[in-house]
């Protein structure tokens, strides 16, 4: 039971983790750009 729950939970956890990382990288990149274009 524990192993099955772990296998079900892990992909969801990894997806949330990578979404968070991508969001932080995107915000950092946008924040570092010169604000010339609206």
N, C-alpha and C. Protein backbone atom coordinates (compact mmCIF):
# COMPACT_ATOMS: atom_id res chain seq x y z
N UNK A 1 0.84 -1.20 0.00
CA UNK A 1 0.00 0.00 0.00
C UNK A 1 0.88 1.26 0.00
N UNK A 2 1.86 1.25 0.87
CA UNK A 2 2.74 2.42 0.97
C UNK A 2 3.49 2.65 -0.35
N UNK A 3 3.96 1.55 -0.95
CA UNK A 3 4.72 1.69 -2.19
C UNK A 3 3.82 2.23 -3.31
N UNK A 4 2.58 1.74 -3.36
CA UNK A 4 1.66 2.18 -4.41
C UNK A 4 1.33 3.67 -4.23
N UNK A 5 1.09 4.09 -3.01
CA UNK A 5 0.78 5.51 -2.76
C UNK A 5 1.98 6.37 -3.14
N UNK A 6 3.17 5.90 -2.84
CA UNK A 6 4.38 6.64 -3.17
C UNK A 6 4.51 6.80 -4.69
N UNK A 7 4.23 5.74 -5.43
CA UNK A 7 4.31 5.79 -6.89
C UNK A 7 3.25 6.72 -7.47
N UNK A 8 2.09 6.80 -6.83
CA UNK A 8 1.02 7.68 -7.31
C UNK A 8 1.35 9.14 -7.00
N UNK A 9 2.00 9.39 -5.88
CA UNK A 9 2.23 10.75 -5.42
C UNK A 9 3.47 11.37 -6.07
N UNK A 10 4.48 10.55 -6.36
CA UNK A 10 5.75 11.09 -6.83
C UNK A 10 5.64 11.89 -8.13
N UNK A 11 4.98 11.37 -9.19
CA UNK A 11 4.90 12.15 -10.43
C UNK A 11 4.22 13.50 -10.22
N UNK A 12 3.15 13.53 -9.41
CA UNK A 12 2.45 14.78 -9.13
C UNK A 12 3.38 15.76 -8.42
N UNK A 13 4.15 15.25 -7.47
CA UNK A 13 5.09 16.09 -6.73
C UNK A 13 6.17 16.63 -7.66
N UNK A 14 6.69 15.79 -8.55
CA UNK A 14 7.73 16.23 -9.48
C UNK A 14 7.19 17.28 -10.44
N UNK A 15 5.95 17.10 -10.91
CA UNK A 15 5.35 18.07 -11.83
C UNK A 15 5.22 19.43 -11.14
N UNK A 16 4.73 19.44 -9.91
CA UNK A 16 4.61 20.70 -9.18
C UNK A 16 5.98 21.33 -8.96
N UNK A 17 6.98 20.49 -8.65
CA UNK A 17 8.34 21.00 -8.42
C UNK A 17 8.89 21.67 -9.67
N UNK A 18 8.76 21.01 -10.83
CA UNK A 18 9.30 21.58 -12.07
C UNK A 18 8.52 22.80 -12.52
N UNK A 19 7.20 22.83 -12.26
CA UNK A 19 6.41 24.03 -12.58
C UNK A 19 6.91 25.21 -11.74
N UNK A 20 7.18 24.95 -10.46
CA UNK A 20 7.69 26.01 -9.59
C UNK A 20 9.04 26.50 -10.07
N UNK A 21 9.94 25.59 -10.43
CA UNK A 21 11.27 25.97 -10.92
C UNK A 21 11.15 26.79 -12.21
N UNK A 22 10.30 26.33 -13.14
CA UNK A 22 10.13 27.05 -14.41
C UNK A 22 9.56 28.44 -14.17
N UNK A 23 8.63 28.56 -13.23
CA UNK A 23 8.03 29.85 -12.92
C UNK A 23 9.06 30.81 -12.34
N UNK A 24 9.88 30.31 -11.42
CA UNK A 24 10.92 31.16 -10.83
C UNK A 24 11.93 31.60 -11.89
N UNK A 25 12.34 30.68 -12.76
CA UNK A 25 13.30 31.03 -13.81
C UNK A 25 12.70 32.06 -14.77
N UNK A 26 11.42 31.88 -15.12
CA UNK A 26 10.76 32.82 -16.04
C UNK A 26 10.66 34.20 -15.42
N UNK A 27 10.23 34.25 -14.15
CA UNK A 27 10.11 35.55 -13.48
C UNK A 27 11.47 36.22 -13.34
N UNK A 28 12.50 35.44 -13.03
CA UNK A 28 13.85 36.00 -12.91
C UNK A 28 14.32 36.55 -14.25
N UNK A 29 14.06 35.80 -15.33
CA UNK A 29 14.49 36.23 -16.66
C UNK A 29 13.75 37.49 -17.09
N UNK A 30 12.42 37.52 -16.85
CA UNK A 30 11.63 38.70 -17.20
C UNK A 30 12.09 39.91 -16.38
N UNK A 31 12.35 39.68 -15.09
CA UNK A 31 12.79 40.76 -14.21
C UNK A 31 14.15 41.31 -14.61
N UNK A 32 14.98 40.49 -15.27
CA UNK A 32 16.31 40.92 -15.67
C UNK A 32 16.33 41.63 -17.01
N UNK A 33 15.22 41.56 -17.75
CA UNK A 33 15.17 42.20 -19.06
C UNK A 33 14.96 43.70 -18.91
N UNK A 34 15.54 44.49 -19.80
CA UNK A 34 15.27 45.94 -19.80
C UNK A 34 13.82 46.20 -20.20
N UNK A 35 13.17 47.10 -19.49
CA UNK A 35 11.74 47.34 -19.73
C UNK A 35 11.61 48.41 -20.82
N UNK A 36 11.89 48.00 -22.06
CA UNK A 36 11.77 48.93 -23.19
C UNK A 36 10.50 48.65 -23.98
N UNK A 37 10.16 47.36 -24.10
CA UNK A 37 8.97 46.97 -24.86
C UNK A 37 7.81 46.72 -23.91
N UNK A 38 6.64 47.31 -24.19
CA UNK A 38 5.47 47.10 -23.32
C UNK A 38 4.94 45.68 -23.42
